[in-house]
Amino acid sequence: MADPIARFKNIGGAVVAITEQSGYLDVKHPTEHLVVCSGCGASHRVTWGYDLWHEEQSYGGGLKVDFDSTGREYLPAARKWAQDHAAKCRAL
C-alpha cells in the first residue's frame, strides 16, 4: 500500500489513513483516494477519474477544463469521511 497522505486516530487508537491508488487495471497513476480504518476495516473511495475517461466524455475535444489529474480537489471529501469515521469508530 502507498504511503498515507493523512492519518486520523480514533478514540480506540486505530488509524484512519488516506492513500492514493489507481482504481483501474490498465492505469498506473493514481486515480482515487482510498480511506481505510485499521481498527474496524471500514473503507471509502473517492474517485477523480483519469484523463482517457475525460477525453471520451468531451467527445474527443481534449481534457475537460475542470479535470483534476492530481485529485487535489477531491481530497477534502476523503478527509471529511476519514475525520467523521475516526470520531465515531471505537475499534482498537
Protein backbone atom coordinates (compact mmCIF):
# COMPACT_ATOMS: atom_id res chain seq x y z
CA MET A 1 0.00 0.00 0.00
CA ALA A 2 1.16 3.55 -0.73
CA ASP A 3 2.32 5.97 1.93
CA PRO A 4 -0.60 7.76 3.60
CA ILE A 5 -1.43 11.33 2.65
CA ALA A 6 -3.11 11.84 6.03
CA ARG A 7 -3.85 9.85 9.17
CA PHE A 8 -6.52 10.33 11.80
CA LYS A 9 -6.58 8.48 15.14
CA ASN A 10 -9.83 7.29 16.64
CA ILE A 11 -10.57 7.09 20.37
CA GLY A 12 -9.60 3.41 20.48
CA GLY A 13 -6.19 4.15 18.97
CA ALA A 14 -6.81 2.77 15.47
CA VAL A 15 -5.70 4.84 12.49
CA VAL A 16 -7.86 6.00 9.59
CA ALA A 17 -5.43 6.56 6.70
CA ILE A 18 -5.88 8.23 3.32
CA THR A 19 -3.77 6.94 0.42
CA GLU A 20 -3.80 7.34 -3.35
CA GLN A 21 -4.06 4.42 -5.75
CA SER A 22 -5.08 3.55 -9.26
CA GLY A 23 -8.66 2.39 -9.49
CA TYR A 24 -8.15 0.91 -12.96
CA LEU A 25 -6.28 -2.19 -14.12
CA ASP A 26 -4.77 -0.50 -17.15
CA VAL A 27 -3.78 2.78 -15.47
CA LYS A 28 -0.64 3.06 -13.35
CA HIS A 29 -1.01 6.59 -11.95
CA PRO A 30 -3.33 7.36 -9.02
CA THR A 31 -6.99 7.92 -9.85
CA GLU A 32 -8.62 7.75 -6.42
CA HIS A 33 -8.19 8.34 -2.71
CA LEU A 34 -8.67 5.24 -0.57
CA VAL A 35 -9.56 5.74 3.10
CA VAL A 36 -9.16 2.69 5.38
CA CYS A 37 -9.67 2.23 9.12
CA SER A 38 -7.07 -0.08 10.66
CA GLY A 39 -9.45 -0.88 13.54
CA CYS A 40 -12.74 -1.97 12.00
CA GLY A 41 -11.67 -2.30 8.36
CA ALA A 42 -14.21 0.21 7.03
CA SER A 43 -13.15 1.83 3.77
CA HIS A 44 -14.25 4.58 1.43
CA ARG A 45 -13.13 5.54 -2.09
CA VAL A 46 -13.17 9.00 -3.63
CA THR A 47 -12.53 8.62 -7.36
CA TRP A 48 -11.48 11.50 -9.54
CA GLY A 49 -11.15 9.53 -12.77
CA TYR A 50 -8.38 9.64 -15.30
CA ASP A 51 -7.63 11.50 -18.47
CA LEU A 52 -8.88 8.96 -21.04
CA TRP A 53 -12.35 8.89 -19.47
CA HIS A 54 -12.47 12.68 -19.52
CA GLU A 55 -11.22 12.67 -23.10
CA GLU A 56 -14.08 10.35 -24.08
CA GLN A 57 -16.64 12.39 -22.16
CA SER A 58 -15.67 15.52 -24.07
CA TYR A 59 -16.11 13.60 -27.37
CA GLY A 60 -12.52 13.87 -28.46
CA GLY A 61 -12.31 17.56 -27.69
CA GLY A 62 -9.45 17.12 -25.26
CA LEU A 63 -9.45 17.10 -21.50
CA LYS A 64 -12.34 18.77 -19.75
CA VAL A 65 -11.45 22.17 -18.39
CA ASP A 66 -12.24 21.11 -14.82
CA PHE A 67 -10.25 17.84 -14.94
CA ASP A 68 -8.03 17.48 -11.86
CA SER A 69 -5.29 14.96 -12.62
CA THR A 70 -3.84 15.26 -9.09
CA GLY A 71 -7.07 14.63 -7.19
CA ARG A 72 -6.39 17.69 -5.05
CA GLU A 73 -9.98 18.93 -5.44
CA TYR A 74 -11.30 15.59 -4.19
CA LEU A 75 -9.06 15.32 -1.12
CA PRO A 76 -11.40 17.35 1.16
CA ALA A 77 -14.14 14.74 0.64
CA ALA A 78 -11.75 11.94 1.62
CA ARG A 79 -10.56 13.93 4.66
CA LYS A 80 -14.14 14.56 5.77
CA TRP A 81 -15.02 10.87 5.61
CA ALA A 82 -11.82 9.96 7.49
CA GLN A 83 -12.41 12.54 10.22
CA ASP A 84 -16.07 11.61 10.63
CA HIS A 85 -15.22 7.92 10.82
CA ALA A 86 -12.38 8.49 13.31
CA ALA A 87 -14.74 10.49 15.53
CA LYS A 88 -17.31 7.66 15.61
CA CYS A 89 -15.24 4.46 15.45
CA ARG A 90 -14.20 2.87 18.76
CA ALA A 91 -12.23 -0.06 17.33
CA LEU A 92 -8.69 -0.76 18.51
